[in-house]
Structure formats: C-alpha cells, structure tokens
C-alpha atoms as a PDB file:
ATOM      1  CA  MET A   1      91.424 117.944  78.542  1.00  0.00           C
ATOM      2  CA  ALA A   2      92.639 120.367  76.331  1.00  0.00           C
ATOM      3  CA  ASN A   3      95.409 123.002  76.941  1.00  0.00           C
ATOM      4  CA  LEU A   4      93.613 125.994  76.095  1.00  0.00           C
ATOM      5  CA  LYS A   5      96.198 129.381  75.237  1.00  0.00           C
ATOM      6  CA  SER A   6      94.678 133.426  75.519  1.00  0.00           C
ATOM      7  CA  LYS A   7      96.745 135.486  73.596  1.00  0.00           C
ATOM      8  CA  ILE A   8      97.036 139.209  73.686  1.00  0.00           C
ATOM      9  CA  THR A   9      98.521 140.941  71.936  1.00  0.00           C
ATOM     10  CA  LEU A  10     100.185 144.963  72.116  1.00  0.00           C
ATOM     11  CA  ASN A  11     102.261 146.850  69.488  1.00  0.00           C
ATOM     12  CA  VAL A  12     103.821 150.212  70.277  1.00  0.00           C
ATOM     13  CA  GLU A  13     104.783 152.707  67.576  1.00  0.00           C
ATOM     14  CA  LEU A  14     108.079 154.837  68.711  1.00  0.00           C
ATOM     15  CA  ASP A  15     109.739 158.178  67.095  1.00  0.00           C
ATOM     16  CA  GLU A  16     112.772 158.693  66.652  1.00  0.00           C
ATOM     17  CA  ASN A  17     113.766 159.672  70.434  1.00  0.00           C
ATOM     18  CA  ARG A  18     111.614 156.029  71.485  1.00  0.00           C
ATOM     19  CA  VAL A  19     108.648 157.988  72.664  1.00  0.00           C
ATOM     20  CA  PRO A  20     105.319 156.265  71.825  1.00  0.00           C
ATOM     21  CA  GLU A  21     103.412 157.723  68.979  1.00  0.00           C
ATOM     22  CA  LYS A  22     100.999 154.566  68.918  1.00  0.00           C
ATOM     23  CA  ILE A  23     100.031 151.742  70.638  1.00  0.00           C
ATOM     24  CA  ASN A  24      97.395 149.415  69.129  1.00  0.00           C
ATOM     25  CA  TRP A  25      96.038 145.834  70.717  1.00  0.00           C
ATOM     26  CA  THR A  26      94.414 143.307  69.925  1.00  0.00           C
ATOM     27  CA  ALA A  27      92.578 140.062  72.310  1.00  0.00           C
ATOM     28  CA  GLN A  28      90.566 137.967  70.094  1.00  0.00           C
ATOM     29  CA  ASP A  29      89.179 136.244  72.660  1.00  0.00           C
ATOM     30  CA  GLY A  30      87.754 139.331  74.283  1.00  0.00           C
ATOM     31  CA  GLY A  31      86.629 140.651  70.572  1.00  0.00           C
ATOM     32  CA  ILE A  32      89.494 143.450  69.968  1.00  0.00           C
ATOM     33  CA  THR A  33      91.658 143.574  66.866  1.00  0.00           C
ATOM     34  CA  ASN A  34      94.081 146.314  66.477  1.00  0.00           C
ATOM     35  CA  ALA A  35      92.309 148.651  68.866  1.00  0.00           C
ATOM     36  CA  GLU A  36      94.234 151.826  69.264  1.00  0.00           C
ATOM     37  CA  ALA A  37      94.993 152.819  73.319  1.00  0.00           C
ATOM     38  CA  LYS A  38      96.458 155.987  74.489  1.00  0.00           C
ATOM     39  CA  ALA A  39      98.059 154.625  77.479  1.00  0.00           C
ATOM     40  CA  MET A  40      98.267 151.298  79.383  1.00  0.00           C
ATOM     41  CA  MET A  41      99.596 149.513  82.357  1.00  0.00           C
ATOM     42  CA  LEU A  42     100.806 146.282  82.602  1.00  0.00           C
ATOM     43  CA  SER A  43     101.754 144.485  86.145  1.00  0.00           C
ATOM     44  CA  VAL A  44     102.849 140.879  86.150  1.00  0.00           C
ATOM     45  CA  TRP A  45     103.913 139.142  89.412  1.00  0.00           C
ATOM     46  CA  ASP A  46     107.383 137.872  89.875  1.00  0.00           C
ATOM     47  CA  SER A  47     107.053 134.696  91.985  1.00  0.00           C
ATOM     48  CA  THR A  48     110.493 133.928  92.319  1.00  0.00           C
ATOM     49  CA  ALA A  49     111.880 137.516  93.152  1.00  0.00           C
ATOM     50  CA  GLN A  50     108.271 137.953  95.348  1.00  0.00           C
ATOM     51  CA  GLU A  51     107.958 141.954  92.953  1.00  0.00           C
ATOM     52  CA  SER A  52     105.390 143.580  90.222  1.00  0.00           C
ATOM     53  CA  LEU A  53     106.994 144.367  87.314  1.00  0.00           C
ATOM     54  CA  ARG A  54     105.311 146.762  85.926  1.00  0.00           C
ATOM     55  CA  ILE A  55     104.913 148.129  81.807  1.00  0.00           C
ATOM     56  CA  ASP A  56     103.514 151.832  82.192  1.00  0.00           C
ATOM     57  CA  LEU A  57     103.157 153.674  78.629  1.00  0.00           C
ATOM     58  CA  TRP A  58     101.559 156.464  76.600  1.00  0.00           C
ATOM     59  CA  THR A  59     101.382 158.353  73.970  1.00  0.00           C
ATOM     60  CA  LYS A  60     102.977 161.935  73.662  1.00  0.00           C
ATOM     61  CA  ASP A  61      99.764 162.956  72.551  1.00  0.00           C
ATOM     62  CA  MET A  62      97.701 161.496  75.438  1.00  0.00           C
ATOM     63  CA  PRO A  63      95.704 164.822  77.130  1.00  0.00           C
ATOM     64  CA  VAL A  64      96.681 165.620  80.365  1.00  0.00           C
ATOM     65  CA  ASP A  65      93.352 165.474  81.600  1.00  0.00           C
ATOM     66  CA  GLU A  66      92.539 162.217  79.926  1.00  0.00           C
ATOM     67  CA  MET A  67      95.707 160.973  81.830  1.00  0.00           C
ATOM     68  CA  LYS A  68      93.972 162.088  85.529  1.00  0.00           C
ATOM     69  CA  ILE A  69      90.862 160.555  84.113  1.00  0.00           C
ATOM     70  CA  PHE A  70      92.374 156.782  83.250  1.00  0.00           C
ATOM     71  CA  PHE A  71      94.808 156.562  86.380  1.00  0.00           C
ATOM     72  CA  HIS A  72      91.449 157.042  88.429  1.00  0.00           C
ATOM     73  CA  GLN A  73      89.382 154.791  87.187  1.00  0.00           C
ATOM     74  CA  THR A  74      92.492 152.797  87.212  1.00  0.00           C
ATOM     75  CA  LEU A  75      92.883 152.655  90.983  1.00  0.00           C
ATOM     76  CA  VAL A  76      88.843 152.238  91.594  1.00  0.00           C
ATOM     77  CA  ALA A  77      89.539 149.062  88.974  1.00  0.00           C
ATOM     78  CA  MET A  78      92.277 147.772  91.186  1.00  0.00           C
ATOM     79  CA  SER A  79      90.405 148.633  94.644  1.00  0.00           C
ATOM     80  CA  SER A  80      87.259 145.915  92.681  1.00  0.00           C
ATOM     81  CA  THR A  81      90.268 143.616  91.937  1.00  0.00           C
ATOM     82  CA  PHE A  82      91.313 143.818  94.964  1.00  0.00           C
ATOM     83  CA  ASN A  83      88.103 143.168  97.023  1.00  0.00           C
ATOM     84  CA  ARG A  84      87.273 140.010  94.555  1.00  0.00           C
ATOM     85  CA  ALA A  85      91.324 138.319  95.250  1.00  0.00           C
ATOM     86  CA  THR A  86      91.238 138.807  99.098  1.00  0.00           C
ATOM     87  CA  GLN A  87      87.749 139.473 100.144  1.00  0.00           C
ATOM     88  CA  ASP A  88      89.154 141.814 102.302  1.00  0.00           C
ATOM     89  CA  ASP A  89      86.169 144.366 102.917  1.00  0.00           C
ATOM     90  CA  LYS A  90      87.478 147.091 105.304  1.00  0.00           C
ATOM     91  CA  MET A  91      90.417 147.626 102.945  1.00  0.00           C
ATOM     92  CA  THR A  92      88.165 147.912  99.616  1.00  0.00           C
ATOM     93  CA  ALA A  93      86.633 149.948 101.605  1.00  0.00           C
ATOM     94  CA  THR A  94      89.728 152.609 102.490  1.00  0.00           C
ATOM     95  CA  MET A  95      90.502 151.976  98.897  1.00  0.00           C
ATOM     96  CA  LYS A  96      87.249 153.632  97.487  1.00  0.00           C
ATOM     97  CA  ASP A  97      87.585 156.607 100.106  1.00  0.00           C
ATOM     98  CA  PHE A  98      90.917 157.084  98.771  1.00  0.00           C
ATOM     99  CA  CYS A  99      89.339 156.876  95.393  1.00  0.00           C
ATOM    100  CA  ASP A 100      86.879 159.749  96.543  1.00  0.00           C
ATOM    101  CA  TYR A 101      89.473 161.285  97.634  1.00  0.00           C
ATOM    102  CA  PHE A 102      91.586 161.630  94.313  1.00  0.00           C
ATOM    103  CA  ALA A 103      88.874 162.221  92.075  1.00  0.00           C
ATOM    104  CA  GLU A 104      87.538 164.955  94.495  1.00  0.00           C
ATOM    105  CA  LYS A 105      90.967 167.053  94.300  1.00  0.00           C
ATOM    106  CA  LEU A 106      91.523 166.353  90.471  1.00  0.00           C
ATOM    107  CA  GLU A 107      87.793 167.806  90.202  1.00  0.00           C
ATOM    108  CA  LEU A 108      86.908 164.925  88.311  1.00  0.00           C
ATOM    109  CA  ASN A 109      83.463 164.764  89.319  1.00  0.00           C
ATOM    110  CA  LYS A 110      82.896 168.144  87.985  1.00  0.00           C
ATOM    111  CA  LYS A 111      82.963 167.129  84.438  1.00  0.00           C
END
C-alpha cells in the first residue's frame, strides 16, 4: 500500500515588528492555492507532554467585529468536532449552549 501524504502550507508576512501583515495558505488536496486569510488558529496535540501546542495569528488589519465572528464560528466547529471525536452528546449540548450564549452576549445574531 502506498504511503499517502497531504501537505498544508502557511505563509505569514511580518512587518518590522514581527506583527503579521498577510497570511496565505495552500492545501492542494482541498483545492486551495495561496488563499488569503486574516486570522488562523492551529492546535496540535503533543502526546508525550499531554498538552496542546497552539499558534494563533491575525493580521493587524483584522477587524474586531470579524474576530468575534471568527471566534464564534470556531467554537461552534469545535463543538461539532468534539461530538464526532467523543460521541459525548451531553457535553456537546453544553458546548453548543455556550456558543449560543457567546453569540447572544456579543449580539452576533442581530447582524
């Protein structure tokens, strides 16, 4: 059997103070080539240390209102991923309730 690989590439352009100005990414298997992004969150699991390692970046021109929407959508996606990974319906419902609360407090549903 062939050893399949998939490559995802992230390119971050920084200003003189090392603040991200541009983020572009490519995932050829997904049909994405050098697409622009204003923010990203990447988490990987270090099984040896039993901890997650993260990279959170956003460009200096990322609007705060878009950041709030980005966080909300990320939390909703994490709830779905948690359910697929654990089949823990009770905790998934609790997480989704928090997502609804988050959106309500930030008035995201009024837009």
